[in-house]
Amino acid sequence: MDYRFFAIIVAGGSGKRMNSTTPKQFLLINNKPIIVHTIEKFLQSAYSPEIVLVLSEKDQHYWNELSKTSSLNTNYHFASGGAERFFSVKNGLEKVNDLLKPREKAIIAIHDAVRPLVSTETIDKCFTAAKDKGNGISYAPSKDSVRIIDPHTSSNRSVPRQQIALIQTPQSFDYDLLKKAYLQEYNENFTDDASVVEAAGYPINLVEGDVFNIKITYPEDIILAKTLLEES
């Protein structure tokens, strides 16, 4: 069965926790915006996915100016960012729906724009898992001891770290499965796409990813990412 492959790059972040007026996906690492590093990784994938950028209208204008000086040589599709990540991804899926022909099949990878250190190996493994099993969710094993805190009593208990998976992106899915899952009403417990799909009754397939596939959130993350990108 032939598929079209898409990468929905979710770029709705602000610069607040970075103490910056520039949205964090556009901050520079080694003279290149974070989002450009991220897109480049997907363009290197063996699956050659089409890129859907989920950006606010204001940031779409920013991107259009940025792309004039970018080394990226590909066409992009745009979708509007929503008030919550759930709605941003849903808008990205609607854009994919507009691009697909009737009865055409697709595999969708959803990735945070501010995870520029993801490896092409992880991207490809997630695409493959989604094609073979319906979904592929990247994760890193926990290196730390883990305890669960009861928010009502403040009591806590240990959990064997071998039972802990630290969920990352990309998270890849069969398009028809993902579209059905996103027919659900928004729930505040939908922290990622895997939680949406799981709530719709589908099992989740984990794919071990990269320990260094960090999400750029705080200023110190920029320092770490800069060092790792220089060494890669």
Protein backbone atom coordinates (compact mmCIF):
# COMPACT_ATOMS: atom_id res chain seq x y z
CA MET A 1 0.00 0.00 0.00
CA ASP A 2 1.36 3.41 -0.99
CA TYR A 3 1.36 6.24 1.53
CA ARG A 4 2.09 9.93 1.52
CA PHE A 5 4.20 11.05 4.46
CA PHE A 6 3.77 14.32 6.31
CA ALA A 7 5.52 16.04 9.19
CA ILE A 8 3.35 18.45 11.15
CA ILE A 9 5.77 20.81 12.90
CA VAL A 10 3.98 22.43 15.83
CA ALA A 11 5.46 25.85 16.51
CA GLY A 12 3.15 27.67 18.88
CA GLY A 13 5.63 28.51 21.63
CA SER A 14 6.40 31.94 23.03
CA GLY A 15 9.63 33.30 24.44
CA LYS A 16 8.33 33.93 27.97
CA ARG A 17 10.35 31.27 29.79
CA MET A 18 13.35 32.31 27.70
CA ASN A 19 12.93 35.92 28.85
CA SER A 20 12.73 36.81 25.17
CA THR A 21 10.27 38.74 23.03
CA THR A 22 11.12 36.43 20.13
CA PRO A 23 9.11 33.18 19.95
CA LYS A 24 11.49 30.43 21.02
CA GLN A 25 11.23 28.49 17.74
CA PHE A 26 12.88 31.48 16.03
CA LEU A 27 15.75 31.92 18.47
CA LEU A 28 19.16 31.31 16.96
CA ILE A 29 21.44 28.38 17.71
CA ASN A 30 24.73 28.53 15.83
CA ASN A 31 23.34 31.36 13.66
CA LYS A 32 20.32 29.36 12.57
CA PRO A 33 16.74 29.47 13.93
CA ILE A 34 15.75 26.48 16.05
CA ILE A 35 12.84 25.67 13.73
CA VAL A 36 15.19 25.50 10.73
CA HIS A 37 17.42 22.96 12.50
CA THR A 38 14.28 20.91 13.21
CA ILE A 39 12.92 21.00 9.66
CA GLU A 40 16.31 20.05 8.24
CA LYS A 41 16.23 16.80 10.23
CA PHE A 42 12.89 15.82 8.67
CA LEU A 43 14.07 16.73 5.17
CA GLN A 44 16.93 14.25 5.69
CA SER A 45 14.49 11.43 6.48
CA ALA A 46 14.34 8.45 4.15
CA TYR A 47 10.57 9.03 3.99
CA SER A 48 10.92 12.58 2.57
CA PRO A 49 7.83 13.92 4.35
CA GLU A 50 5.90 16.95 3.18
CA ILE A 51 6.15 19.71 5.77
CA VAL A 52 3.13 21.33 7.43
CA LEU A 53 4.08 24.27 9.67
CA VAL A 54 1.59 25.14 12.39
CA LEU A 55 2.18 28.79 13.22
CA SER A 56 0.16 31.73 14.41
CA GLU A 57 -0.76 34.19 11.67
CA LYS A 58 1.80 36.67 13.03
CA ASP A 59 4.52 34.01 13.04
CA GLN A 60 3.63 32.95 9.48
CA HIS A 61 4.63 36.44 8.35
CA TYR A 62 7.82 36.12 10.40
CA TRP A 63 8.55 32.77 8.75
CA ASN A 64 7.97 34.15 5.24
CA GLU A 65 10.63 36.78 5.87
CA LEU A 66 12.95 34.26 7.50
CA SER A 67 12.62 31.75 4.66
CA LYS A 68 13.97 34.29 2.18
CA THR A 69 17.38 33.97 3.81
CA SER A 70 17.08 30.30 4.82
CA SER A 71 18.99 27.50 3.14
CA LEU A 72 15.88 25.32 3.15
CA ASN A 73 14.76 24.42 -0.34
CA THR A 74 11.30 22.94 -0.13
CA ASN A 75 7.63 23.90 -0.28
CA TYR A 76 5.68 24.33 2.94
CA HIS A 77 2.06 24.10 3.86
CA PHE A 78 0.74 26.30 6.63
CA ALA A 79 -1.87 25.73 9.31
CA SER A 80 -2.93 28.16 12.02
CA GLY A 81 -1.95 27.65 15.64
CA GLY A 82 -4.70 27.11 18.20
CA ALA A 83 -5.22 28.15 21.81
CA GLU A 84 -4.04 24.69 22.95
CA ARG A 85 -1.69 22.19 21.33
CA PHE A 86 -4.70 19.92 20.68
CA PHE A 87 -6.27 22.53 18.42
CA SER A 88 -2.99 23.32 16.68
CA VAL A 89 -2.54 19.67 15.73
CA LYS A 90 -6.18 19.47 14.67
CA ASN A 91 -5.65 22.43 12.34
CA GLY A 92 -2.58 20.69 10.94
CA LEU A 93 -4.63 17.56 10.25
CA GLU A 94 -7.26 19.63 8.44
CA LYS A 95 -4.52 20.97 6.18
CA VAL A 96 -3.37 17.40 5.45
CA ASN A 97 -6.97 16.47 4.69
CA ASP A 98 -7.12 19.29 2.13
CA LEU A 99 -3.93 18.01 0.47
CA LEU A 100 -4.92 14.34 0.22
CA LYS A 101 -6.79 12.95 -2.74
CA PRO A 102 -9.89 10.76 -2.13
CA ARG A 103 -8.93 7.35 -0.65
CA GLU A 104 -5.26 8.37 -0.49
CA LYS A 105 -3.43 6.98 2.57
CA ALA A 106 -0.99 8.90 4.72
CA ILE A 107 1.34 8.61 7.70
CA ILE A 108 1.67 11.69 9.88
CA ALA A 109 4.59 12.57 12.16
CA ILE A 110 3.87 15.31 14.70
CA HIS A 111 6.90 17.05 16.14
CA ASP A 112 7.66 20.00 18.40
CA ALA A 113 9.45 22.74 16.48
CA VAL A 114 11.73 23.25 19.49
CA ARG A 115 13.20 19.74 19.44
CA PRO A 116 16.02 20.38 16.95
CA LEU A 117 18.26 17.54 18.20
CA VAL A 118 16.04 14.69 17.05
CA SER A 119 17.93 12.17 14.90
CA THR A 120 16.81 11.10 11.44
CA GLU A 121 17.07 7.52 12.72
CA THR A 122 14.36 8.20 15.31
CA ILE A 123 12.20 9.98 12.73
CA ASP A 124 12.46 7.02 10.38
CA LYS A 125 11.79 4.46 13.13
CA CYS A 126 8.61 6.30 14.14
CA PHE A 127 7.39 6.50 10.53
CA THR A 128 8.07 2.78 10.08
CA ALA A 129 6.27 1.83 13.29
CA ALA A 130 3.25 3.91 12.29
CA LYS A 131 3.16 2.25 8.88
CA ASP A 132 3.42 -1.24 10.37
CA LYS A 133 1.49 -0.88 13.65
CA GLY A 134 -0.66 2.23 13.37
CA ASN A 135 1.54 4.49 15.50
CA GLY A 136 5.08 4.99 16.75
CA ILE A 137 5.80 7.20 19.76
CA SER A 138 9.39 8.16 20.58
CA TYR A 139 10.59 8.02 24.16
CA ALA A 140 13.72 8.03 26.28
CA PRO A 141 14.21 5.70 29.28
CA SER A 142 14.53 7.41 32.64
CA LYS A 143 18.06 7.66 34.02
CA ASP A 144 16.87 9.03 37.36
CA SER A 145 15.06 7.53 40.30
CA VAL A 146 11.36 8.32 40.10
CA ARG A 147 8.71 8.98 42.74
CA ILE A 148 4.98 9.62 42.33
CA ILE A 149 3.50 12.36 44.51
CA ASP A 150 -0.15 12.24 45.55
CA PRO A 151 -1.38 15.84 45.01
CA HIS A 152 -4.07 15.45 47.66
CA THR A 153 -1.98 14.13 50.53
CA SER A 154 1.57 15.07 49.44
CA SER A 155 2.59 11.48 50.17
CA ASN A 156 4.92 9.86 47.67
CA ARG A 157 6.14 6.45 46.59
CA SER A 158 8.94 5.14 44.45
CA VAL A 159 8.42 3.64 41.01
CA PRO A 160 11.03 1.40 39.34
CA ARG A 161 12.64 3.56 36.69
CA GLN A 162 12.57 0.61 34.28
CA GLN A 163 8.79 1.18 34.16
CA ILE A 164 9.14 4.86 33.21
CA ALA A 165 9.16 6.13 29.62
CA LEU A 166 9.87 9.83 29.07
CA ILE A 167 7.71 10.67 26.09
CA GLN A 168 9.08 12.83 23.29
CA THR A 169 8.22 13.72 19.73
CA PRO A 170 8.06 12.73 16.92
CA GLN A 171 4.84 10.85 17.40
CA SER A 172 3.76 9.20 14.16
CA PHE A 173 0.37 7.80 13.22
CA ASP A 174 -1.71 6.33 10.47
CA TYR A 175 -3.71 9.34 9.26
CA ASP A 176 -7.13 7.67 9.39
CA LEU A 177 -6.52 6.53 12.98
CA LEU A 178 -5.34 9.97 14.06
CA LYS A 179 -8.22 11.75 12.35
CA LYS A 180 -10.73 9.58 14.22
CA ALA A 181 -8.97 10.24 17.54
CA TYR A 182 -9.13 13.99 17.00
CA LEU A 183 -12.91 13.88 16.64
CA GLN A 184 -12.99 13.74 20.45
CA GLU A 185 -13.77 16.82 22.49
CA TYR A 186 -10.75 18.55 23.99
CA ASN A 187 -9.68 17.28 27.41
CA GLU A 188 -7.07 18.98 29.60
CA ASN A 189 -5.42 15.58 30.06
CA PHE A 190 -4.51 15.55 26.36
CA THR A 191 -0.88 16.56 26.86
CA ASP A 192 0.33 15.00 23.62
CA ASP A 193 -1.00 13.13 20.60
CA ALA A 194 -0.45 9.71 22.13
CA SER A 195 -2.81 10.60 24.98
CA VAL A 196 -5.48 11.63 22.45
CA VAL A 197 -5.09 8.39 20.51
CA GLU A 198 -5.04 6.27 23.67
CA ALA A 199 -8.27 7.91 24.88
CA ALA A 200 -9.87 6.88 21.59
CA GLY A 201 -9.15 3.24 22.44
CA TYR A 202 -5.98 2.53 20.45
CA PRO A 203 -2.87 0.88 21.96
CA ILE A 204 0.33 2.92 21.93
CA ASN A 205 3.55 1.58 20.40
CA LEU A 206 6.70 3.03 21.95
CA VAL A 207 9.89 3.55 19.93
CA GLU A 208 13.11 4.23 21.81
CA GLY A 209 14.44 7.58 20.66
CA ASP A 210 17.29 9.90 21.58
CA VAL A 211 18.39 10.87 25.08
CA PHE A 212 19.50 14.25 23.68
CA ASN A 213 16.18 14.95 21.92
CA ILE A 214 15.45 17.72 24.40
CA LYS A 215 12.71 20.31 24.16
CA ILE A 216 14.13 23.84 24.17
CA THR A 217 12.28 25.56 27.03
CA TYR A 218 14.75 27.46 29.22
CA PRO A 219 17.89 29.52 28.47
CA GLU A 220 20.17 26.72 29.66
CA ASP A 221 18.64 24.43 27.02
CA ILE A 222 20.04 26.74 24.33
CA ILE A 223 23.56 26.30 25.73
CA LEU A 224 23.23 22.51 25.75
CA ALA A 225 21.70 22.36 22.26
CA LYS A 226 24.44 24.61 20.88
CA THR A 227 27.12 22.30 22.23
CA LEU A 228 25.44 19.13 20.97
CA LEU A 229 24.80 20.55 17.49
CA GLU A 230 28.44 21.62 17.20
CA GLU A 231 29.52 18.07 18.03
CA SER A 232 27.08 16.33 15.69
